[in-house]
Amino acid sequence: MIPRLLSQEFLKQLREYPIITLLGPRQAGKTTLARALLEDYAYVSLETPDVLRFAREDPRGFLLEYPKKVILDEIQRAPHILSYRQGIVDESRMTGQYVLTGSHQLELRASITQSLAGRTGILNLLPLSVEELRAATITFDTFQEYVFSGFLPRIYDKRQRPHAAHANYYRTYIERH
């Protein structure tokens, strides 16, 4: 994993807030970052159909399944559980109890500001920066080469061909919205 500049701020806010919300575009590395920094946390993906169904049909029961520290990935798929989480974190008074990741920032931000004001630290993770690439000893001679090679972590982690990776990202994410 390429180290992310946001890591230190993420860990600081984890000690300050009961909930940390990590927002950003798909494939920016939100899940990878959270799981790498928080190996002792339970992990739940709300993209898994049966998990999502449980969260939607019984939000209180779903949250009771994870009383300790948990990463809830792709929270925008079940934003209604945020209001249930408000009461839980107020009662437990534990910092770093929940880490939420989400991709659809506008919809999710509205739910967060309504339900979690003062209870969550909000961080935005973008694709890799030139500084992060350089720190990982990935360098190019020109800015155009950086742009062509891309800033999506998977390109480097999986040694993908940049032109194919960008075309597929565009087709599966950008065209969909």
N, C-alpha and C. Protein backbone atom coordinates (compact mmCIF):
# COMPACT_ATOMS: atom_id res chain seq x y z
N MET A 1 0.84 -1.18 0.00
CA MET A 1 0.00 0.00 0.00
C MET A 1 0.88 1.24 0.00
N ILE A 2 0.52 2.18 -0.83
CA ILE A 2 1.23 3.46 -0.87
C ILE A 2 0.77 4.29 0.33
N PRO A 3 1.69 4.72 1.19
CA PRO A 3 1.30 5.52 2.35
C PRO A 3 0.56 6.80 1.93
N ARG A 4 -0.48 7.12 2.69
CA ARG A 4 -1.31 8.27 2.38
C ARG A 4 -1.03 9.41 3.36
N LEU A 5 -0.98 10.62 2.84
CA LEU A 5 -0.72 11.79 3.67
C LEU A 5 -1.81 12.00 4.72
N LEU A 6 -2.99 11.55 4.46
CA LEU A 6 -4.13 11.73 5.35
C LEU A 6 -4.07 10.82 6.59
N SER A 7 -3.19 9.85 6.60
CA SER A 7 -3.16 8.84 7.67
C SER A 7 -3.02 9.44 9.06
N GLN A 8 -2.11 10.36 9.25
CA GLN A 8 -1.89 10.92 10.59
C GLN A 8 -3.11 11.70 11.08
N GLU A 9 -3.72 12.49 10.21
CA GLU A 9 -4.92 13.23 10.60
C GLU A 9 -6.06 12.27 10.90
N PHE A 10 -6.17 11.22 10.13
CA PHE A 10 -7.18 10.19 10.37
C PHE A 10 -7.03 9.63 11.78
N LEU A 11 -5.82 9.25 12.15
CA LEU A 11 -5.58 8.66 13.48
C LEU A 11 -5.81 9.68 14.60
N LYS A 12 -5.47 10.93 14.36
CA LYS A 12 -5.73 11.97 15.37
C LYS A 12 -7.22 12.14 15.60
N GLN A 13 -7.98 12.25 14.52
CA GLN A 13 -9.42 12.43 14.67
C GLN A 13 -10.08 11.20 15.27
N LEU A 14 -9.52 10.05 15.06
CA LEU A 14 -10.05 8.82 15.64
C LEU A 14 -10.02 8.88 17.17
N ARG A 15 -9.06 9.61 17.72
CA ARG A 15 -8.96 9.77 19.17
C ARG A 15 -9.84 10.91 19.69
N GLU A 16 -10.40 11.70 18.79
CA GLU A 16 -11.17 12.88 19.18
C GLU A 16 -12.68 12.73 19.01
N TYR A 17 -13.12 11.89 18.09
CA TYR A 17 -14.54 11.78 17.76
C TYR A 17 -15.01 10.34 17.88
N PRO A 18 -16.28 10.14 18.18
CA PRO A 18 -16.81 8.78 18.21
C PRO A 18 -16.93 8.16 16.81
N ILE A 19 -17.08 9.03 15.80
CA ILE A 19 -17.26 8.57 14.42
C ILE A 19 -16.29 9.34 13.53
N ILE A 20 -15.66 8.63 12.62
CA ILE A 20 -14.86 9.26 11.58
C ILE A 20 -15.51 8.91 10.26
N THR A 21 -15.76 9.91 9.45
CA THR A 21 -16.36 9.69 8.13
C THR A 21 -15.31 10.01 7.08
N LEU A 22 -15.00 9.01 6.27
CA LEU A 22 -13.99 9.13 5.22
C LEU A 22 -14.71 9.13 3.88
N LEU A 23 -14.71 10.29 3.24
CA LEU A 23 -15.41 10.47 1.97
C LEU A 23 -14.42 10.58 0.82
N GLY A 24 -14.89 10.29 -0.36
CA GLY A 24 -14.06 10.45 -1.56
C GLY A 24 -14.61 9.63 -2.70
N PRO A 25 -14.04 9.83 -3.88
CA PRO A 25 -14.51 9.07 -5.04
C PRO A 25 -14.17 7.60 -4.92
N ARG A 26 -14.89 6.80 -5.68
CA ARG A 26 -14.60 5.36 -5.70
C ARG A 26 -13.17 5.14 -6.16
N GLN A 27 -12.58 4.11 -5.60
CA GLN A 27 -11.23 3.66 -5.94
C GLN A 27 -10.14 4.65 -5.53
N ALA A 28 -10.45 5.57 -4.60
CA ALA A 28 -9.43 6.48 -4.10
C ALA A 28 -8.59 5.84 -3.00
N GLY A 29 -9.08 4.75 -2.41
CA GLY A 29 -8.34 4.05 -1.39
C GLY A 29 -8.91 4.18 0.01
N LYS A 30 -10.17 4.58 0.14
CA LYS A 30 -10.79 4.77 1.46
C LYS A 30 -10.80 3.49 2.27
N THR A 31 -11.30 2.42 1.69
CA THR A 31 -11.39 1.14 2.40
C THR A 31 -10.00 0.61 2.71
N THR A 32 -9.12 0.68 1.77
CA THR A 32 -7.75 0.19 1.97
C THR A 32 -7.08 0.94 3.12
N LEU A 33 -7.23 2.25 3.15
CA LEU A 33 -6.63 3.05 4.21
C LEU A 33 -7.21 2.68 5.57
N ALA A 34 -8.53 2.64 5.66
CA ALA A 34 -9.18 2.33 6.94
C ALA A 34 -8.78 0.94 7.43
N ARG A 35 -8.81 -0.03 6.57
CA ARG A 35 -8.49 -1.40 6.99
C ARG A 35 -7.02 -1.56 7.35
N ALA A 36 -6.14 -0.85 6.65
CA ALA A 36 -4.72 -0.95 6.94
C ALA A 36 -4.38 -0.30 8.28
N LEU A 37 -5.02 0.82 8.59
CA LEU A 37 -4.73 1.52 9.84
C LEU A 37 -5.47 0.92 11.03
N LEU A 38 -6.55 0.21 10.77
CA LEU A 38 -7.41 -0.27 11.86
C LEU A 38 -7.63 -1.78 11.77
N GLU A 39 -6.57 -2.52 11.83
CA GLU A 39 -6.65 -3.97 11.67
C GLU A 39 -7.49 -4.64 12.74
N ASP A 40 -7.62 -4.01 13.91
CA ASP A 40 -8.39 -4.61 15.00
C ASP A 40 -9.87 -4.28 14.95
N TYR A 41 -10.30 -3.53 13.95
CA TYR A 41 -11.72 -3.19 13.80
C TYR A 41 -12.44 -4.26 13.01
N ALA A 42 -13.70 -4.49 13.36
CA ALA A 42 -14.56 -5.33 12.51
C ALA A 42 -14.78 -4.55 11.21
N TYR A 43 -15.06 -5.28 10.14
CA TYR A 43 -15.28 -4.65 8.85
C TYR A 43 -16.60 -5.16 8.27
N VAL A 44 -17.44 -4.22 7.83
CA VAL A 44 -18.73 -4.57 7.25
C VAL A 44 -18.91 -3.79 5.96
N SER A 45 -19.15 -4.49 4.88
CA SER A 45 -19.41 -3.84 3.59
C SER A 45 -20.91 -3.79 3.33
N LEU A 46 -21.42 -2.58 3.16
CA LEU A 46 -22.84 -2.42 2.86
C LEU A 46 -23.13 -2.63 1.37
N GLU A 47 -22.15 -3.09 0.64
CA GLU A 47 -22.38 -3.49 -0.75
C GLU A 47 -22.77 -4.95 -0.84
N THR A 48 -22.62 -5.69 0.25
CA THR A 48 -23.03 -7.09 0.29
C THR A 48 -24.55 -7.12 0.44
N PRO A 49 -25.28 -7.73 -0.49
CA PRO A 49 -26.75 -7.64 -0.49
C PRO A 49 -27.44 -8.03 0.81
N ASP A 50 -27.07 -9.15 1.42
CA ASP A 50 -27.75 -9.55 2.64
C ASP A 50 -27.42 -8.63 3.82
N VAL A 51 -26.21 -8.12 3.86
CA VAL A 51 -25.82 -7.16 4.90
C VAL A 51 -26.61 -5.86 4.73
N LEU A 52 -26.71 -5.40 3.51
CA LEU A 52 -27.47 -4.18 3.22
C LEU A 52 -28.94 -4.36 3.58
N ARG A 53 -29.50 -5.50 3.25
CA ARG A 53 -30.90 -5.78 3.58
C ARG A 53 -31.12 -5.72 5.09
N PHE A 54 -30.22 -6.34 5.85
CA PHE A 54 -30.30 -6.33 7.31
C PHE A 54 -30.23 -4.88 7.83
N ALA A 55 -29.29 -4.10 7.32
CA ALA A 55 -29.14 -2.70 7.75
C ALA A 55 -30.38 -1.88 7.43
N ARG A 56 -31.00 -2.13 6.31
CA ARG A 56 -32.19 -1.37 5.91
C ARG A 56 -33.44 -1.81 6.66
N GLU A 57 -33.59 -3.11 6.88
CA GLU A 57 -34.81 -3.63 7.50
C GLU A 57 -34.79 -3.54 9.03
N ASP A 58 -33.62 -3.64 9.63
CA ASP A 58 -33.52 -3.61 11.09
C ASP A 58 -32.27 -2.82 11.50
N PRO A 59 -32.29 -1.50 11.31
CA PRO A 59 -31.09 -0.70 11.58
C PRO A 59 -30.59 -0.83 13.02
N ARG A 60 -31.50 -0.84 13.97
CA ARG A 60 -31.09 -0.95 15.37
C ARG A 60 -30.43 -2.32 15.63
N GLY A 61 -31.05 -3.38 15.14
CA GLY A 61 -30.48 -4.72 15.29
C GLY A 61 -29.13 -4.84 14.59
N PHE A 62 -29.03 -4.24 13.41
CA PHE A 62 -27.78 -4.25 12.66
C PHE A 62 -26.67 -3.60 13.49
N LEU A 63 -26.92 -2.43 14.03
CA LEU A 63 -25.90 -1.73 14.80
C LEU A 63 -25.55 -2.45 16.10
N LEU A 64 -26.52 -3.13 16.69
CA LEU A 64 -26.25 -3.90 17.90
C LEU A 64 -25.32 -5.09 17.65
N GLU A 65 -25.23 -5.53 16.39
CA GLU A 65 -24.31 -6.61 16.02
C GLU A 65 -22.86 -6.15 16.13
N TYR A 66 -22.64 -4.84 16.14
CA TYR A 66 -21.29 -4.28 16.14
C TYR A 66 -21.16 -3.26 17.27
N PRO A 67 -21.15 -3.74 18.53
CA PRO A 67 -21.10 -2.81 19.67
C PRO A 67 -19.72 -2.19 19.88
N LYS A 68 -18.70 -2.79 19.34
CA LYS A 68 -17.34 -2.27 19.52
C LYS A 68 -16.94 -1.51 18.27
N LYS A 69 -15.68 -1.47 17.99
CA LYS A 69 -15.14 -0.67 16.89
C LYS A 69 -15.37 -1.37 15.55
N VAL A 70 -15.91 -0.61 14.59
CA VAL A 70 -16.27 -1.20 13.31
C VAL A 70 -16.10 -0.19 12.18
N ILE A 71 -15.69 -0.69 11.03
CA ILE A 71 -15.65 0.08 9.78
C ILE A 71 -16.91 -0.28 9.00
N LEU A 72 -17.75 0.70 8.72
CA LEU A 72 -18.94 0.49 7.90
C LEU A 72 -18.65 1.09 6.53
N ASP A 73 -18.42 0.23 5.58
CA ASP A 73 -17.98 0.62 4.24
C ASP A 73 -19.18 0.88 3.33
N GLU A 74 -19.09 1.95 2.56
CA GLU A 74 -20.13 2.36 1.60
C GLU A 74 -21.43 2.73 2.32
N ILE A 75 -21.31 3.55 3.34
CA ILE A 75 -22.44 3.95 4.17
C ILE A 75 -23.53 4.67 3.38
N GLN A 76 -23.22 5.22 2.24
CA GLN A 76 -24.24 5.91 1.46
C GLN A 76 -25.36 4.97 1.01
N ARG A 77 -25.13 3.66 1.08
CA ARG A 77 -26.16 2.70 0.69
C ARG A 77 -27.23 2.54 1.76
N ALA A 78 -26.93 2.96 3.01
CA ALA A 78 -27.90 2.87 4.10
C ALA A 78 -27.76 4.10 5.01
N PRO A 79 -27.94 5.29 4.46
CA PRO A 79 -27.72 6.51 5.26
C PRO A 79 -28.70 6.67 6.42
N HIS A 80 -29.84 6.00 6.35
CA HIS A 80 -30.83 6.12 7.43
C HIS A 80 -30.31 5.59 8.77
N ILE A 81 -29.31 4.72 8.75
CA ILE A 81 -28.81 4.20 10.04
C ILE A 81 -27.99 5.24 10.79
N LEU A 82 -27.66 6.35 10.14
CA LEU A 82 -26.90 7.40 10.83
C LEU A 82 -27.66 7.96 12.03
N SER A 83 -28.97 8.13 11.90
CA SER A 83 -29.74 8.67 13.02
C SER A 83 -29.78 7.68 14.20
N TYR A 84 -29.74 6.39 13.92
CA TYR A 84 -29.68 5.39 14.99
C TYR A 84 -28.32 5.43 15.69
N ARG A 85 -27.29 5.66 14.92
CA ARG A 85 -25.94 5.69 15.45
C ARG A 85 -25.75 6.86 16.41
N GLN A 86 -26.46 7.94 16.18
CA GLN A 86 -26.37 9.14 17.03
C GLN A 86 -26.60 8.78 18.50
N GLY A 87 -27.67 8.08 18.78
CA GLY A 87 -27.98 7.69 20.15
C GLY A 87 -26.96 6.73 20.74
N ILE A 88 -26.45 5.82 19.93
CA ILE A 88 -25.47 4.84 20.41
C ILE A 88 -24.19 5.52 20.84
N VAL A 89 -23.68 6.44 20.03
CA VAL A 89 -22.41 7.09 20.39
C VAL A 89 -22.60 8.05 21.56
N ASP A 90 -23.78 8.64 21.68
CA ASP A 90 -24.02 9.51 22.82
C ASP A 90 -24.02 8.71 24.13
N GLU A 91 -24.56 7.50 24.10
CA GLU A 91 -24.58 6.64 25.29
C GLU A 91 -23.21 6.08 25.63
N SER A 92 -22.47 5.61 24.62
CA SER A 92 -21.20 4.92 24.89
C SER A 92 -20.07 5.89 25.23
N ARG A 93 -20.10 7.07 24.66
CA ARG A 93 -19.07 8.10 24.88
C ARG A 93 -17.67 7.61 24.51
N MET A 94 -17.59 6.63 23.63
CA MET A 94 -16.32 6.06 23.19
C MET A 94 -15.84 6.81 21.93
N THR A 95 -14.58 7.15 21.87
CA THR A 95 -14.05 7.75 20.65
C THR A 95 -13.61 6.64 19.70
N GLY A 96 -13.66 6.93 18.42
CA GLY A 96 -13.21 5.97 17.42
C GLY A 96 -14.06 4.72 17.33
N GLN A 97 -15.31 4.81 17.70
CA GLN A 97 -16.17 3.63 17.70
C GLN A 97 -16.54 3.19 16.28
N TYR A 98 -16.85 4.17 15.43
CA TYR A 98 -17.27 3.86 14.06
C TYR A 98 -16.39 4.60 13.06
N VAL A 99 -16.05 3.92 11.99
CA VAL A 99 -15.44 4.55 10.83
C VAL A 99 -16.38 4.29 9.66
N LEU A 100 -16.81 5.35 9.04
CA LEU A 100 -17.72 5.26 7.91
C LEU A 100 -16.97 5.63 6.65
N THR A 101 -17.17 4.90 5.58
CA THR A 101 -16.63 5.31 4.28
C THR A 101 -17.81 5.51 3.34
N GLY A 102 -17.65 6.45 2.44
CA GLY A 102 -18.72 6.71 1.50
C GLY A 102 -18.24 7.38 0.23
N SER A 103 -18.93 7.06 -0.85
CA SER A 103 -18.55 7.58 -2.16
C SER A 103 -19.45 8.67 -2.70
N HIS A 104 -20.72 8.62 -2.41
CA HIS A 104 -21.65 9.60 -2.95
C HIS A 104 -21.73 10.77 -1.98
N GLN A 105 -20.85 11.71 -2.15
CA GLN A 105 -20.65 12.73 -1.14
C GLN A 105 -21.84 13.63 -0.89
N LEU A 106 -22.56 14.06 -1.91
CA LEU A 106 -23.65 15.01 -1.70
C LEU A 106 -24.77 14.40 -0.86
N GLU A 107 -25.21 13.21 -1.21
CA GLU A 107 -26.27 12.54 -0.46
C GLU A 107 -25.83 12.23 0.96
N LEU A 108 -24.63 11.75 1.09
CA LEU A 108 -24.12 11.36 2.39
C LEU A 108 -23.88 12.57 3.28
N ARG A 109 -23.36 13.63 2.73
CA ARG A 109 -23.11 14.85 3.51
C ARG A 109 -24.40 15.38 4.14
N ALA A 110 -25.49 15.34 3.41
CA ALA A 110 -26.76 15.81 3.95
C ALA A 110 -27.18 14.98 5.15
N SER A 111 -27.03 13.66 5.07
CA SER A 111 -27.38 12.79 6.19
C SER A 111 -26.45 13.01 7.38
N ILE A 112 -25.18 13.22 7.11
CA ILE A 112 -24.21 13.42 8.18
C ILE A 112 -24.48 14.72 8.92
N THR A 113 -24.68 15.80 8.19
CA THR A 113 -24.90 17.09 8.84
C THR A 113 -26.20 17.09 9.64
N GLN A 114 -27.16 16.33 9.20
CA GLN A 114 -28.43 16.26 9.91
C GLN A 114 -28.32 15.39 11.16
N SER A 115 -27.64 14.25 11.08
CA SER A 115 -27.65 13.27 12.16
C SER A 115 -26.43 13.28 13.06
N LEU A 116 -25.28 13.66 12.53
CA LEU A 116 -24.04 13.45 13.28
C LEU A 116 -23.27 14.73 13.61
N ALA A 117 -23.90 15.86 13.52
CA ALA A 117 -23.21 17.11 13.79
C ALA A 117 -22.54 17.06 15.16
N GLY A 118 -21.25 17.39 15.19
CA GLY A 118 -20.49 17.39 16.43
C GLY A 118 -20.02 16.03 16.88
N ARG A 119 -20.45 14.97 16.21
CA ARG A 119 -20.09 13.61 16.62
C ARG A 119 -19.11 12.94 15.66
N THR A 120 -18.85 13.58 14.53
CA THR A 120 -17.99 12.94 13.53
C THR A 120 -16.92 13.89 13.01
N GLY A 121 -15.76 13.32 12.80
CA GLY A 121 -14.72 14.00 12.05
C GLY A 121 -14.90 13.62 10.60
N ILE A 122 -14.78 14.58 9.71
CA ILE A 122 -14.99 14.30 8.29
C ILE A 122 -13.68 14.53 7.55
N LEU A 123 -13.25 13.52 6.83
CA LEU A 123 -12.03 13.58 6.04
C LEU A 123 -12.34 13.24 4.60
N ASN A 124 -11.66 13.90 3.68
CA ASN A 124 -11.83 13.63 2.26
C ASN A 124 -10.55 13.01 1.72
N LEU A 125 -10.68 11.83 1.16
CA LEU A 125 -9.54 11.15 0.56
C LEU A 125 -9.71 11.17 -0.95
N LEU A 126 -8.77 11.81 -1.60
CA LEU A 126 -8.76 11.87 -3.06
C LEU A 126 -7.80 10.82 -3.59
N PRO A 127 -7.79 10.59 -4.90
CA PRO A 127 -6.79 9.69 -5.45
C PRO A 127 -5.38 10.15 -5.08
N LEU A 128 -4.41 9.34 -5.35
CA LEU A 128 -3.03 9.62 -4.98
C LEU A 128 -2.57 10.99 -5.48
N SER A 129 -1.77 11.65 -4.68
CA SER A 129 -1.20 12.93 -5.08
C SER A 129 0.20 12.69 -5.66
N VAL A 130 0.72 13.67 -6.33
CA VAL A 130 2.09 13.59 -6.84
C VAL A 130 3.04 13.38 -5.67
N GLU A 131 2.81 14.07 -4.57
CA GLU A 131 3.66 13.92 -3.39
C GLU A 131 3.63 12.49 -2.84
N GLU A 132 2.46 11.88 -2.80
CA GLU A 132 2.36 10.49 -2.32
C GLU A 132 3.06 9.53 -3.28
N LEU A 133 2.92 9.76 -4.57
CA LEU A 133 3.61 8.91 -5.54
C LEU A 133 5.11 9.05 -5.38
N ARG A 134 5.59 10.28 -5.26
CA ARG A 134 7.04 10.50 -5.09
C ARG A 134 7.56 9.85 -3.83
N ALA A 135 6.81 9.94 -2.74
CA ALA A 135 7.23 9.32 -1.48
C ALA A 135 7.33 7.80 -1.63
N ALA A 136 6.56 7.24 -2.54
CA ALA A 136 6.60 5.80 -2.81
C ALA A 136 7.60 5.48 -3.93
N THR A 137 8.43 6.44 -4.26
CA THR A 137 9.43 6.36 -5.33
C THR A 137 8.83 6.04 -6.70
N ILE A 138 7.66 6.57 -6.94
CA ILE A 138 7.03 6.46 -8.26
C ILE A 138 7.09 7.86 -8.86
N THR A 139 7.94 8.03 -9.83
CA THR A 139 8.12 9.37 -10.42
C THR A 139 8.07 9.30 -11.94
N PHE A 140 7.72 10.43 -12.50
CA PHE A 140 7.67 10.58 -13.95
C PHE A 140 8.36 11.89 -14.30
N ASP A 141 8.75 12.03 -15.53
CA ASP A 141 9.50 13.22 -15.94
C ASP A 141 8.61 14.43 -16.18
N THR A 142 7.38 14.20 -16.60
CA THR A 142 6.51 15.34 -16.91
C THR A 142 5.16 15.18 -16.23
N PHE A 143 4.47 16.29 -16.10
CA PHE A 143 3.13 16.25 -15.52
C PHE A 143 2.20 15.41 -16.39
N GLN A 144 2.36 15.49 -17.71
CA GLN A 144 1.54 14.70 -18.62
C GLN A 144 1.69 13.21 -18.35
N GLU A 145 2.91 12.78 -18.02
CA GLU A 145 3.11 11.36 -17.70
C GLU A 145 2.39 10.98 -16.41
N TYR A 146 2.39 11.90 -15.42
CA TYR A 146 1.63 11.64 -14.20
C TYR A 146 0.14 11.50 -14.53
N VAL A 147 -0.37 12.41 -15.32
CA VAL A 147 -1.79 12.39 -15.67
C VAL A 147 -2.12 11.11 -16.43
N PHE A 148 -1.31 10.76 -17.41
CA PHE A 148 -1.57 9.56 -18.19
C PHE A 148 -1.48 8.31 -17.32
N SER A 149 -0.48 8.26 -16.45
CA SER A 149 -0.29 7.07 -15.62
C SER A 149 -1.33 6.97 -14.53
N GLY A 150 -1.85 8.09 -14.14
CA GLY A 150 -2.98 8.09 -13.23
C GLY A 150 -2.66 8.17 -11.76
N PHE A 151 -3.69 8.45 -11.02
CA PHE A 151 -3.57 8.66 -9.58
C PHE A 151 -4.41 7.66 -8.79
N LEU A 152 -5.01 6.69 -9.46
CA LEU A 152 -5.80 5.68 -8.77
C LEU A 152 -4.87 4.64 -8.17
N PRO A 153 -4.99 4.38 -6.86
CA PRO A 153 -4.08 3.44 -6.21
C PRO A 153 -4.01 2.06 -6.87
N ARG A 154 -5.13 1.56 -7.38
CA ARG A 154 -5.16 0.23 -7.97
C ARG A 154 -4.21 0.11 -9.18
N ILE A 155 -3.99 1.18 -9.88
CA ILE A 155 -3.07 1.15 -11.02
C ILE A 155 -1.69 0.68 -10.56
N TYR A 156 -1.28 1.15 -9.39
CA TYR A 156 0.05 0.81 -8.88
C TYR A 156 0.03 -0.49 -8.10
N ASP A 157 -0.99 -0.68 -7.27
CA ASP A 157 -1.06 -1.89 -6.46
C ASP A 157 -1.21 -3.15 -7.31
N LYS A 158 -1.98 -3.05 -8.39
CA LYS A 158 -2.26 -4.22 -9.24
C LYS A 158 -1.53 -4.17 -10.58
N ARG A 159 -0.69 -3.16 -10.74
CA ARG A 159 0.09 -2.99 -11.98
C ARG A 159 -0.81 -3.00 -13.23
N GLN A 160 -1.87 -2.22 -13.13
CA GLN A 160 -2.80 -2.12 -14.26
C GLN A 160 -2.23 -1.20 -15.33
N ARG A 161 -2.69 -1.41 -16.54
CA ARG A 161 -2.34 -0.51 -17.63
C ARG A 161 -3.20 0.75 -17.48
N PRO A 162 -2.58 1.91 -17.34
CA PRO A 162 -3.34 3.14 -17.04
C PRO A 162 -4.46 3.45 -18.02
N HIS A 163 -4.21 3.32 -19.33
CA HIS A 163 -5.26 3.69 -20.30
C HIS A 163 -6.49 2.78 -20.14
N ALA A 164 -6.28 1.49 -19.89
CA ALA A 164 -7.40 0.57 -19.69
C ALA A 164 -8.09 0.84 -18.36
N ALA A 165 -7.31 1.10 -17.32
CA ALA A 165 -7.89 1.36 -16.00
C ALA A 165 -8.77 2.61 -16.03
N HIS A 166 -8.29 3.67 -16.68
CA HIS A 166 -9.08 4.91 -16.75
C HIS A 166 -10.33 4.73 -17.60
N ALA A 167 -10.21 4.01 -18.68
CA ALA A 167 -11.38 3.77 -19.53
C ALA A 167 -12.44 2.98 -18.77
N ASN A 168 -12.02 1.96 -18.06
CA ASN A 168 -12.97 1.15 -17.28
C ASN A 168 -13.56 1.94 -16.12
N TYR A 169 -12.77 2.74 -15.46
CA TYR A 169 -13.27 3.59 -14.37
C TYR A 169 -14.33 4.54 -14.90
N TYR A 170 -14.04 5.15 -16.03
CA TYR A 170 -14.98 6.08 -16.65
C TYR A 170 -16.30 5.37 -16.97
N ARG A 171 -16.22 4.20 -17.57
CA ARG A 171 -17.42 3.46 -17.97
C ARG A 171 -18.25 2.99 -16.78
N THR A 172 -17.58 2.57 -15.73
CA THR A 172 -18.31 1.99 -14.60
C THR A 172 -18.68 2.98 -13.51
N TYR A 173 -18.08 4.14 -13.51
CA TYR A 173 -18.38 5.10 -12.44
C TYR A 173 -18.90 6.43 -12.98
N ILE A 174 -18.15 7.06 -13.83
CA ILE A 174 -18.50 8.37 -14.33
C ILE A 174 -19.76 8.32 -15.20
N GLU A 175 -19.81 7.41 -16.17
CA GLU A 175 -20.97 7.31 -17.05
C GLU A 175 -22.23 6.93 -16.30
N ARG A 176 -22.07 6.22 -15.19
CA ARG A 176 -23.22 5.76 -14.40
C ARG A 176 -23.91 6.92 -13.71
N HIS A 177 -23.20 7.97 -13.39
CA HIS A 177 -23.77 9.08 -12.63
C HIS A 177 -24.14 10.18 -13.52
